Amino acid sequence: MGWWQFLGLQTLLGLLAWQAVDLSQEVLVASLRPALALLAVVSACLVCGWSSWVLGKPGTPSWLREVLLAGVAGAVFALGVHGASQDAIPAFEEDQHPLRALLQAARNHQLSDKQAVTDRGRPIALHTAANKPAIPDRRLPDPSVYWPEQAFGYKLIRTAPPDPNYNCHGWVFTAGQYILAPEDVERILEDNGYYEVPQPKPGDIVIYYDQTGMITHTALVRAVGEDGFVLVESKWGCSGARYLHLPELWFSARHVYYRTDRGSHVVRGLESVPKLPLAGHSANLHAPSVSE
């Protein structure tokens, strides 16, 4: 067997093993995986031991030696490829991304005693994470905390640490005091004088929608530049951090820029909290300026 034939056989066996690993993850329930992992380790030890015995045995055909070496190398290749594929967050289609589960998280938090309303007097439900334990300063397995940095790396600039006390909507409309649900954002847009703008300015907001028209995210415009450049800041999830990023980075079917002339994004009843700057004003609230 020539060198190129050996390499081809190794690659083929490795790809087949990789597909087998991925398929097993899809069809097997999670409760069986620990037992199967132990079985795989034992099997690997037995196979390696048998392979070593065969390779060292006098009179072993050369073709069998080559196939065994290719199989072992292919298995190592498969594990490496599979591990690399698990290091990064997979690219989901919008209808497959577990975004709706994250959006419903606001309703899982208790309601605050604080009262807030739109400019037309409609109530806004303020959810609080008062009973939720603080997030320690370490990387947790919670995907809503650090997965953006794993997925996007340098495309995100962190401006605030993970905080369970507010989500993206709550950062903009309650100045980071509470958690808001998407339907309350719809009421705010309708009642507080927001209108669409084709060209945003610092202080405008960005609302993201999925394919069904549901609001999925809110961000604040921090900077604009030539050739349509826009930089926004937003809180990612109820437990995640806050980041500067390009507006296209968030998962959505479309995003719309809105502006209001009311003087503040903060809803009525929370006037005492610090206000986010609107268009034409300084865009610096607990975050570095764009020039820093």
C-alpha atoms as a PDB file:
ATOM      1  CA  MET A   1       0.000   0.000   0.000  1.00  0.00           C
ATOM      2  CA  GLY A   2       1.463   3.350  -1.068  1.00  0.00           C
ATOM      3  CA  TRP A   3       1.624   6.455   1.098  1.00  0.00           C
ATOM      4  CA  TRP A   4      -1.280   8.196  -0.658  1.00  0.00           C
ATOM      5  CA  GLN A   5      -3.409   5.067  -0.454  1.00  0.00           C
ATOM      6  CA  PHE A   6      -2.643   4.793   3.269  1.00  0.00           C
ATOM      7  CA  LEU A   7      -3.554   8.476   3.805  1.00  0.00           C
ATOM      8  CA  GLY A   8      -6.768   8.085   1.843  1.00  0.00           C
ATOM      9  CA  LEU A   9      -7.802   5.016   3.799  1.00  0.00           C
ATOM     10  CA  GLN A  10      -7.026   6.779   7.080  1.00  0.00           C
ATOM     11  CA  THR A  11      -9.121   9.804   6.091  1.00  0.00           C
ATOM     12  CA  LEU A  12     -12.029   7.644   4.925  1.00  0.00           C
ATOM     13  CA  LEU A  13     -12.091   5.627   8.137  1.00  0.00           C
ATOM     14  CA  GLY A  14     -11.794   8.802  10.170  1.00  0.00           C
ATOM     15  CA  LEU A  15     -14.723  10.474   8.418  1.00  0.00           C
ATOM     16  CA  LEU A  16     -16.848   7.372   8.847  1.00  0.00           C
ATOM     17  CA  ALA A  17     -16.005   7.277  12.554  1.00  0.00           C
ATOM     18  CA  TRP A  18     -16.771  10.993  12.889  1.00  0.00           C
ATOM     19  CA  GLN A  19     -20.183  10.537  11.277  1.00  0.00           C
ATOM     20  CA  ALA A  20     -20.840   7.583  13.564  1.00  0.00           C
ATOM     21  CA  VAL A  21     -20.065   9.729  16.624  1.00  0.00           C
ATOM     22  CA  ASP A  22     -22.369  12.532  15.446  1.00  0.00           C
ATOM     23  CA  LEU A  23     -25.147  10.094  14.584  1.00  0.00           C
ATOM     24  CA  SER A  24     -24.917   8.454  17.985  1.00  0.00           C
ATOM     25  CA  GLN A  25     -25.371  11.843  19.651  1.00  0.00           C
ATOM     26  CA  GLU A  26     -28.549  12.474  17.667  1.00  0.00           C
ATOM     27  CA  VAL A  27     -30.273   9.108  18.109  1.00  0.00           C
ATOM     28  CA  LEU A  28     -29.238   8.188  21.629  1.00  0.00           C
ATOM     29  CA  VAL A  29     -30.828   9.628  24.701  1.00  0.00           C
ATOM     30  CA  ALA A  30     -28.652  11.525  27.145  1.00  0.00           C
ATOM     31  CA  SER A  31     -29.148   8.957  29.911  1.00  0.00           C
ATOM     32  CA  LEU A  32     -27.335   6.294  27.872  1.00  0.00           C
ATOM     33  CA  ARG A  33     -24.333   8.409  26.931  1.00  0.00           C
ATOM     34  CA  PRO A  34     -22.309   7.937  30.148  1.00  0.00           C
ATOM     35  CA  ALA A  35     -22.598   4.142  29.890  1.00  0.00           C
ATOM     36  CA  LEU A  36     -21.775   4.261  26.201  1.00  0.00           C
ATOM     37  CA  ALA A  37     -18.775   6.489  26.870  1.00  0.00           C
ATOM     38  CA  LEU A  38     -17.452   3.947  29.399  1.00  0.00           C
ATOM     39  CA  LEU A  39     -18.074   1.146  26.898  1.00  0.00           C
ATOM     40  CA  ALA A  40     -16.225   3.129  24.240  1.00  0.00           C
ATOM     41  CA  VAL A  41     -13.198   3.591  26.518  1.00  0.00           C
ATOM     42  CA  VAL A  42     -13.078  -0.120  27.370  1.00  0.00           C
ATOM     43  CA  SER A  43     -13.519  -1.068  23.734  1.00  0.00           C
ATOM     44  CA  ALA A  44     -10.770   1.321  22.684  1.00  0.00           C
ATOM     45  CA  CYS A  45      -8.382  -0.216  25.210  1.00  0.00           C
ATOM     46  CA  LEU A  46      -9.191  -3.717  23.973  1.00  0.00           C
ATOM     47  CA  VAL A  47      -8.823  -2.714  20.333  1.00  0.00           C
ATOM     48  CA  CYS A  48      -5.531  -0.941  20.995  1.00  0.00           C
ATOM     49  CA  GLY A  49      -4.203  -3.928  22.915  1.00  0.00           C
ATOM     50  CA  TRP A  50      -5.251  -6.371  20.201  1.00  0.00           C
ATOM     51  CA  SER A  51      -3.825  -4.096  17.506  1.00  0.00           C
ATOM     52  CA  SER A  52      -0.505  -3.883  19.339  1.00  0.00           C
ATOM     53  CA  TRP A  53      -0.388  -7.671  19.664  1.00  0.00           C
ATOM     54  CA  VAL A  54      -1.181  -8.173  15.984  1.00  0.00           C
ATOM     55  CA  LEU A  55       1.321  -5.567  14.841  1.00  0.00           C
ATOM     56  CA  GLY A  56       4.065  -7.117  16.960  1.00  0.00           C
ATOM     57  CA  LYS A  57       3.302 -10.697  16.037  1.00  0.00           C
ATOM     58  CA  PRO A  58       5.747 -12.223  13.530  1.00  0.00           C
ATOM     59  CA  GLY A  59       4.181 -13.226  10.272  1.00  0.00           C
ATOM     60  CA  THR A  60       1.346 -10.694  10.346  1.00  0.00           C
ATOM     61  CA  PRO A  61       0.456  -9.761   6.732  1.00  0.00           C
ATOM     62  CA  SER A  62       1.605  -6.288   5.762  1.00  0.00           C
ATOM     63  CA  TRP A  63      -1.857  -5.322   4.502  1.00  0.00           C
ATOM     64  CA  LEU A  64      -3.349  -6.063   7.925  1.00  0.00           C
ATOM     65  CA  ARG A  65      -0.698  -3.921   9.611  1.00  0.00           C
ATOM     66  CA  GLU A  66      -1.479  -1.036   7.271  1.00  0.00           C
ATOM     67  CA  VAL A  67      -5.234  -1.306   7.751  1.00  0.00           C
ATOM     68  CA  LEU A  68      -4.866  -1.343  11.541  1.00  0.00           C
ATOM     69  CA  LEU A  69      -2.543   1.655  11.487  1.00  0.00           C
ATOM     70  CA  ALA A  70      -4.932   3.523   9.195  1.00  0.00           C
ATOM     71  CA  GLY A  71      -7.870   2.650  11.435  1.00  0.00           C
ATOM     72  CA  VAL A  72      -6.138   3.889  14.592  1.00  0.00           C
ATOM     73  CA  ALA A  73      -4.990   7.067  12.843  1.00  0.00           C
ATOM     74  CA  GLY A  74      -8.487   7.560  11.427  1.00  0.00           C
ATOM     75  CA  ALA A  75     -10.055   7.179  14.872  1.00  0.00           C
ATOM     76  CA  VAL A  76      -7.687   9.800  16.287  1.00  0.00           C
ATOM     77  CA  PHE A  77      -8.535  12.052  13.338  1.00  0.00           C
ATOM     78  CA  ALA A  78     -12.278  11.571  13.965  1.00  0.00           C
ATOM     79  CA  LEU A  79     -11.985  12.422  17.656  1.00  0.00           C
ATOM     80  CA  GLY A  80      -9.972  15.521  16.827  1.00  0.00           C
ATOM     81  CA  VAL A  81     -12.459  16.742  14.238  1.00  0.00           C
ATOM     82  CA  HIS A  82     -15.413  15.980  16.496  1.00  0.00           C
ATOM     83  CA  GLY A  83     -13.801  17.791  19.432  1.00  0.00           C
ATOM     84  CA  ALA A  84     -13.015  20.807  17.274  1.00  0.00           C
ATOM     85  CA  SER A  85     -16.604  20.911  16.040  1.00  0.00           C
ATOM     86  CA  GLN A  86     -17.826  20.996  19.642  1.00  0.00           C
ATOM     87  CA  ASP A  87     -15.501  23.824  20.691  1.00  0.00           C
ATOM     88  CA  ALA A  88     -17.465  26.426  18.763  1.00  0.00           C
ATOM     89  CA  ILE A  89     -21.179  27.155  18.951  1.00  0.00           C
ATOM     90  CA  PRO A  90     -22.881  25.503  15.938  1.00  0.00           C
ATOM     91  CA  ALA A  91     -24.455  27.718  13.308  1.00  0.00           C
ATOM     92  CA  PHE A  92     -28.212  27.390  13.729  1.00  0.00           C
ATOM     93  CA  GLU A  93     -30.840  28.378  11.243  1.00  0.00           C
ATOM     94  CA  GLU A  94     -33.187  30.911  12.798  1.00  0.00           C
ATOM     95  CA  ASP A  95     -36.066  28.449  13.098  1.00  0.00           C
ATOM     96  CA  GLN A  96     -33.725  25.962  14.813  1.00  0.00           C
ATOM     97  CA  HIS A  97     -32.031  28.321  17.242  1.00  0.00           C
ATOM     98  CA  PRO A  98     -33.223  27.951  20.865  1.00  0.00           C
ATOM     99  CA  LEU A  99     -34.013  31.648  20.904  1.00  0.00           C
ATOM    100  CA  ARG A 100     -37.659  31.422  21.864  1.00  0.00           C
ATOM    101  CA  ALA A 101     -36.770  29.560  25.046  1.00  0.00           C
ATOM    102  CA  LEU A 102     -34.456  32.431  25.977  1.00  0.00           C
ATOM    103  CA  LEU A 103     -37.149  34.982  25.141  1.00  0.00           C
ATOM    104  CA  GLN A 104     -39.667  33.277  27.410  1.00  0.00           C
ATOM    105  CA  ALA A 105     -37.185  33.448  30.306  1.00  0.00           C
ATOM    106  CA  ALA A 106     -38.586  36.820  31.401  1.00  0.00           C
ATOM    107  CA  ARG A 107     -41.835  35.172  32.413  1.00  0.00           C
ATOM    108  CA  ASN A 108     -39.958  32.753  34.645  1.00  0.00           C
ATOM    109  CA  HIS A 109     -38.904  35.594  36.940  1.00  0.00           C
ATOM    110  CA  GLN A 110     -41.115  36.968  39.665  1.00  0.00           C
ATOM    111  CA  LEU A 111     -42.944  40.243  39.218  1.00  0.00           C
ATOM    112  CA  SER A 112     -41.608  43.297  41.015  1.00  0.00           C
ATOM    113  CA  ASP A 113     -43.753  45.435  43.300  1.00  0.00           C
ATOM    114  CA  LYS A 114     -42.566  48.477  41.369  1.00  0.00           C
ATOM    115  CA  GLN A 115     -45.127  49.952  38.967  1.00  0.00           C
ATOM    116  CA  ALA A 116     -44.322  51.222  35.467  1.00  0.00           C
ATOM    117  CA  VAL A 117     -46.550  52.337  32.600  1.00  0.00           C
ATOM    118  CA  THR A 118     -46.313  53.524  29.019  1.00  0.00           C
ATOM    119  CA  ASP A 119     -47.031  57.141  28.111  1.00  0.00           C
ATOM    120  CA  ARG A 120     -50.626  56.119  27.419  1.00  0.00           C
ATOM    121  CA  GLY A 121     -50.974  54.514  30.833  1.00  0.00           C
ATOM    122  CA  ARG A 122     -50.763  50.865  29.884  1.00  0.00           C
ATOM    123  CA  PRO A 123     -48.972  48.793  32.554  1.00  0.00           C
ATOM    124  CA  ILE A 124     -45.514  47.343  31.962  1.00  0.00           C
ATOM    125  CA  ALA A 125     -44.667  44.116  33.788  1.00  0.00           C
ATOM    126  CA  LEU A 126     -41.346  44.532  35.593  1.00  0.00           C
ATOM    127  CA  HIS A 127     -39.739  41.162  36.305  1.00  0.00           C
ATOM    128  CA  THR A 128     -36.990  40.832  38.866  1.00  0.00           C
ATOM    129  CA  ALA A 129     -34.208  38.350  39.512  1.00  0.00           C
ATOM    130  CA  ALA A 130     -34.005  39.246  43.211  1.00  0.00           C
ATOM    131  CA  ASN A 131     -34.024  35.600  44.292  1.00  0.00           C
ATOM    132  CA  LYS A 132     -31.571  34.447  41.659  1.00  0.00           C
ATOM    133  CA  PRO A 133     -28.044  33.774  42.959  1.00  0.00           C
ATOM    134  CA  ALA A 134     -25.262  36.024  41.758  1.00  0.00           C
ATOM    135  CA  ILE A 135     -23.072  34.839  38.902  1.00  0.00           C
ATOM    136  CA  PRO A 136     -19.559  34.044  40.133  1.00  0.00           C
ATOM    137  CA  ASP A 137     -16.598  35.396  38.191  1.00  0.00           C
ATOM    138  CA  ARG A 138     -15.828  32.222  36.307  1.00  0.00           C
ATOM    139  CA  ARG A 139     -16.953  30.502  33.136  1.00  0.00           C
ATOM    140  CA  LEU A 140     -20.148  28.583  33.751  1.00  0.00           C
ATOM    141  CA  PRO A 141     -21.817  25.974  31.550  1.00  0.00           C
ATOM    142  CA  ASP A 142     -24.889  28.216  31.259  1.00  0.00           C
ATOM    143  CA  PRO A 143     -25.027  28.947  27.498  1.00  0.00           C
ATOM    144  CA  SER A 144     -26.729  32.286  28.042  1.00  0.00           C
ATOM    145  CA  VAL A 145     -23.698  33.606  29.938  1.00  0.00           C
ATOM    146  CA  TYR A 146     -20.569  33.110  27.873  1.00  0.00           C
ATOM    147  CA  TRP A 147     -21.627  31.464  24.625  1.00  0.00           C
ATOM    148  CA  PRO A 148     -21.567  34.753  22.649  1.00  0.00           C
ATOM    149  CA  GLU A 149     -17.860  35.163  23.326  1.00  0.00           C
ATOM    150  CA  GLN A 150     -17.184  31.572  22.327  1.00  0.00           C
ATOM    151  CA  ALA A 151     -19.212  31.957  19.153  1.00  0.00           C
ATOM    152  CA  PHE A 152     -18.132  35.410  17.982  1.00  0.00           C
ATOM    153  CA  GLY A 153     -14.821  36.110  19.697  1.00  0.00           C
ATOM    154  CA  TYR A 154     -13.284  39.430  18.624  1.00  0.00           C
ATOM    155  CA  LYS A 155     -16.555  40.560  17.011  1.00  0.00           C
ATOM    156  CA  LEU A 156     -17.836  41.351  20.511  1.00  0.00           C
ATOM    157  CA  ILE A 157     -16.443  43.958  22.896  1.00  0.00           C
ATOM    158  CA  ARG A 158     -17.651  43.365  26.427  1.00  0.00           C
ATOM    159  CA  THR A 159     -18.804  46.524  28.167  1.00  0.00           C
ATOM    160  CA  ALA A 160     -20.360  45.034  31.313  1.00  0.00           C
ATOM    161  CA  PRO A 161     -20.072  41.682  33.118  1.00  0.00           C
ATOM    162  CA  PRO A 162     -22.823  39.042  33.222  1.00  0.00           C
ATOM    163  CA  ASP A 163     -25.744  40.203  35.335  1.00  0.00           C
ATOM    164  CA  PRO A 164     -28.990  38.274  35.938  1.00  0.00           C
ATOM    165  CA  ASN A 165     -30.949  41.363  37.009  1.00  0.00           C
ATOM    166  CA  TYR A 166     -31.916  42.651  33.549  1.00  0.00           C
ATOM    167  CA  ASN A 167     -32.186  41.558  29.936  1.00  0.00           C
ATOM    168  CA  CYS A 168     -31.709  43.434  26.666  1.00  0.00           C
ATOM    169  CA  HIS A 169     -35.144  45.101  26.808  1.00  0.00           C
ATOM    170  CA  GLY A 170     -34.736  45.930  30.482  1.00  0.00           C
ATOM    171  CA  TRP A 171     -31.383  47.582  29.879  1.00  0.00           C
ATOM    172  CA  VAL A 172     -32.835  50.010  27.337  1.00  0.00           C
ATOM    173  CA  PHE A 173     -36.291  50.689  28.799  1.00  0.00           C
ATOM    174  CA  THR A 174     -35.587  50.371  32.548  1.00  0.00           C
ATOM    175  CA  ALA A 175     -31.907  51.436  32.516  1.00  0.00           C
ATOM    176  CA  GLY A 176     -30.803  47.983  33.583  1.00  0.00           C
ATOM    177  CA  GLN A 177     -33.102  47.644  36.585  1.00  0.00           C
ATOM    178  CA  TYR A 178     -35.578  44.977  35.467  1.00  0.00           C
ATOM    179  CA  ILE A 179     -36.375  42.214  32.984  1.00  0.00           C
ATOM    180  CA  LEU A 180     -39.001  42.890  30.311  1.00  0.00           C
ATOM    181  CA  ALA A 181     -40.944  40.518  28.062  1.00  0.00           C
ATOM    182  CA  PRO A 182     -41.235  41.069  24.273  1.00  0.00           C
ATOM    183  CA  GLU A 183     -44.941  41.981  24.411  1.00  0.00           C
ATOM    184  CA  ASP A 184     -44.160  44.865  26.771  1.00  0.00           C
ATOM    185  CA  VAL A 185     -41.632  46.182  24.262  1.00  0.00           C
ATOM    186  CA  GLU A 186     -44.414  46.243  21.664  1.00  0.00           C
ATOM    187  CA  ARG A 187     -46.554  48.376  23.997  1.00  0.00           C
ATOM    188  CA  ILE A 188     -43.655  50.753  24.603  1.00  0.00           C
ATOM    189  CA  LEU A 189     -43.039  51.201  20.892  1.00  0.00           C
ATOM    190  CA  GLU A 190     -46.721  51.893  20.277  1.00  0.00           C
ATOM    191  CA  ASP A 191     -47.310  54.256  23.204  1.00  0.00           C
ATOM    192  CA  ASN A 192     -44.047  56.153  23.668  1.00  0.00           C
ATOM    193  CA  GLY A 193     -43.772  57.915  20.346  1.00  0.00           C
ATOM    194  CA  TYR A 194     -41.307  55.648  18.565  1.00  0.00           C
ATOM    195  CA  TYR A 195     -41.045  55.858  14.781  1.00  0.00           C
ATOM    196  CA  GLU A 196     -38.872  54.065  12.247  1.00  0.00           C
ATOM    197  CA  VAL A 197     -35.819  55.822  10.837  1.00  0.00           C
ATOM    198  CA  PRO A 198     -33.814  54.661   7.819  1.00  0.00           C
ATOM    199  CA  GLN A 199     -30.544  56.185   9.051  1.00  0.00           C
ATOM    200  CA  PRO A 200     -29.878  55.782  12.787  1.00  0.00           C
ATOM    201  CA  LYS A 201     -28.071  58.175  15.096  1.00  0.00           C
ATOM    202  CA  PRO A 202     -26.348  57.447  18.423  1.00  0.00           C
ATOM    203  CA  GLY A 203     -29.083  57.048  21.010  1.00  0.00           C
ATOM    204  CA  ASP A 204     -31.620  55.448  18.674  1.00  0.00           C
ATOM    205  CA  ILE A 205     -32.684  51.892  19.404  1.00  0.00           C
ATOM    206  CA  VAL A 206     -32.676  48.733  17.298  1.00  0.00           C
ATOM    207  CA  ILE A 207     -35.490  46.216  17.538  1.00  0.00           C
ATOM    208  CA  TYR A 208     -34.935  42.715  16.181  1.00  0.00           C
ATOM    209  CA  TYR A 209     -37.733  40.481  14.865  1.00  0.00           C
ATOM    210  CA  ASP A 210     -37.938  36.808  13.992  1.00  0.00           C
ATOM    211  CA  GLN A 211     -39.711  35.393  10.942  1.00  0.00           C
ATOM    212  CA  THR A 212     -43.079  35.492  12.703  1.00  0.00           C
ATOM    213  CA  GLY A 213     -42.719  39.157  13.692  1.00  0.00           C
ATOM    214  CA  MET A 214     -41.955  38.434  17.332  1.00  0.00           C
ATOM    215  CA  ILE A 215     -39.517  40.828  19.017  1.00  0.00           C
ATOM    216  CA  THR A 216     -36.348  38.961  19.920  1.00  0.00           C
ATOM    217  CA  HIS A 217     -33.846  41.618  20.972  1.00  0.00           C
ATOM    218  CA  THR A 218     -33.309  45.303  21.729  1.00  0.00           C
ATOM    219  CA  ALA A 219     -30.086  47.255  21.295  1.00  0.00           C
ATOM    220  CA  LEU A 220     -28.925  50.851  21.574  1.00  0.00           C
ATOM    221  CA  VAL A 221     -27.101  52.608  18.742  1.00  0.00           C
ATOM    222  CA  ARG A 222     -23.727  53.794  20.002  1.00  0.00           C
ATOM    223  CA  ALA A 223     -21.984  55.082  16.864  1.00  0.00           C
ATOM    224  CA  VAL A 224     -22.502  55.580  13.156  1.00  0.00           C
ATOM    225  CA  GLY A 225     -19.997  56.191  10.396  1.00  0.00           C
ATOM    226  CA  GLU A 226     -19.413  56.268   6.686  1.00  0.00           C
ATOM    227  CA  ASP A 227     -20.752  53.668   4.251  1.00  0.00           C
ATOM    228  CA  GLY A 228     -23.582  52.686   6.583  1.00  0.00           C
ATOM    229  CA  PHE A 229     -21.371  51.689   9.504  1.00  0.00           C
ATOM    230  CA  VAL A 230     -23.370  51.252  12.721  1.00  0.00           C
ATOM    231  CA  LEU A 231     -22.179  50.079  16.126  1.00  0.00           C
ATOM    232  CA  VAL A 232     -24.708  49.020  18.753  1.00  0.00           C
ATOM    233  CA  GLU A 233     -24.596  47.913  22.374  1.00  0.00           C
ATOM    234  CA  SER A 234     -26.880  45.330  23.926  1.00  0.00           C
ATOM    235  CA  LYS A 235     -27.326  42.853  26.743  1.00  0.00           C
ATOM    236  CA  TRP A 236     -27.282  39.228  25.573  1.00  0.00           C
ATOM    237  CA  GLY A 237     -29.834  37.163  27.483  1.00  0.00           C
ATOM    238  CA  CYS A 238     -31.085  37.428  31.033  1.00  0.00           C
ATOM    239  CA  SER A 239     -27.822  36.107  32.454  1.00  0.00           C
ATOM    240  CA  GLY A 240     -25.342  37.265  29.844  1.00  0.00           C
ATOM    241  CA  ALA A 241     -22.969  40.187  29.560  1.00  0.00           C
ATOM    242  CA  ARG A 242     -23.316  43.422  27.608  1.00  0.00           C
ATOM    243  CA  TYR A 243     -21.429  43.965  24.355  1.00  0.00           C
ATOM    244  CA  LEU A 244     -20.596  46.419  21.608  1.00  0.00           C
ATOM    245  CA  HIS A 245     -21.150  44.761  18.234  1.00  0.00           C
ATOM    246  CA  LEU A 246     -22.326  45.226  14.674  1.00  0.00           C
ATOM    247  CA  PRO A 247     -26.131  45.204  14.406  1.00  0.00           C
ATOM    248  CA  GLU A 248     -26.129  42.203  12.046  1.00  0.00           C
ATOM    249  CA  LEU A 249     -24.503  39.962  14.630  1.00  0.00           C
ATOM    250  CA  TRP A 250     -27.690  39.146  16.532  1.00  0.00           C
ATOM    251  CA  PHE A 251     -29.864  36.315  15.162  1.00  0.00           C
ATOM    252  CA  SER A 252     -32.935  37.784  13.473  1.00  0.00           C
ATOM    253  CA  ALA A 253     -34.948  37.868  10.296  1.00  0.00           C
ATOM    254  CA  ARG A 254     -34.804  41.667  10.277  1.00  0.00           C
ATOM    255  CA  HIS A 255     -33.978  44.623  12.492  1.00  0.00           C
ATOM    256  CA  VAL A 256     -35.520  48.092  12.562  1.00  0.00           C
ATOM    257  CA  TYR A 257     -34.126  51.375  13.885  1.00  0.00           C
ATOM    258  CA  TYR A 258     -36.478  53.480  16.016  1.00  0.00           C
ATOM    259  CA  ARG A 259     -36.319  57.000  17.422  1.00  0.00           C
ATOM    260  CA  THR A 260     -38.430  58.895  19.934  1.00  0.00           C
ATOM    261  CA  ASP A 261     -38.662  62.578  20.785  1.00  0.00           C
ATOM    262  CA  ARG A 262     -39.807  62.041  24.372  1.00  0.00           C
ATOM    263  CA  GLY A 263     -36.355  62.647  25.885  1.00  0.00           C
ATOM    264  CA  SER A 264     -35.711  59.229  27.396  1.00  0.00           C
ATOM    265  CA  HIS A 265     -36.155  55.547  26.671  1.00  0.00           C
ATOM    266  CA  VAL A 266     -36.969  54.807  30.318  1.00  0.00           C
ATOM    267  CA  VAL A 267     -40.650  54.079  30.929  1.00  0.00           C
ATOM    268  CA  ARG A 268     -42.806  56.120  33.283  1.00  0.00           C
ATOM    269  CA  GLY A 269     -42.539  55.181  36.934  1.00  0.00           C
ATOM    270  CA  LEU A 270     -38.781  54.708  36.719  1.00  0.00           C
ATOM    271  CA  GLU A 271     -37.809  58.326  36.111  1.00  0.00           C
ATOM    272  CA  SER A 272     -35.410  58.329  39.058  1.00  0.00           C
ATOM    273  CA  VAL A 273     -33.042  55.797  37.472  1.00  0.00           C
ATOM    274  CA  PRO A 274     -30.232  56.967  35.149  1.00  0.00           C
ATOM    275  CA  LYS A 275     -31.457  57.583  31.618  1.00  0.00           C
ATOM    276  CA  LEU A 276     -29.950  56.244  28.426  1.00  0.00           C
ATOM    277  CA  PRO A 277     -28.923  59.026  26.025  1.00  0.00           C
ATOM    278  CA  LEU A 278     -31.052  59.605  22.956  1.00  0.00           C
ATOM    279  CA  ALA A 279     -30.036  60.599  19.443  1.00  0.00           C
ATOM    280  CA  GLY A 280     -27.633  63.499  19.311  1.00  0.00           C
ATOM    281  CA  HIS A 281     -26.581  63.121  22.960  1.00  0.00           C
ATOM    282  CA  SER A 282     -23.555  61.495  24.501  1.00  0.00           C
ATOM    283  CA  ALA A 283     -23.792  57.714  24.216  1.00  0.00           C
ATOM    284  CA  ASN A 284     -21.864  56.813  27.345  1.00  0.00           C
ATOM    285  CA  LEU A 285     -23.647  54.882  30.114  1.00  0.00           C
ATOM    286  CA  HIS A 286     -21.577  52.434  32.132  1.00  0.00           C
ATOM    287  CA  ALA A 287     -19.655  51.583  28.980  1.00  0.00           C
ATOM    288  CA  PRO A 288     -16.514  52.806  27.257  1.00  0.00           C
ATOM    289  CA  SER A 289     -16.878  55.421  24.567  1.00  0.00           C
ATOM    290  CA  VAL A 290     -16.341  54.353  20.992  1.00  0.00           C
ATOM    291  CA  SER A 291     -12.988  56.134  20.857  1.00  0.00           C
ATOM    292  CA  GLU A 292     -11.622  54.306  23.907  1.00  0.00           C
END
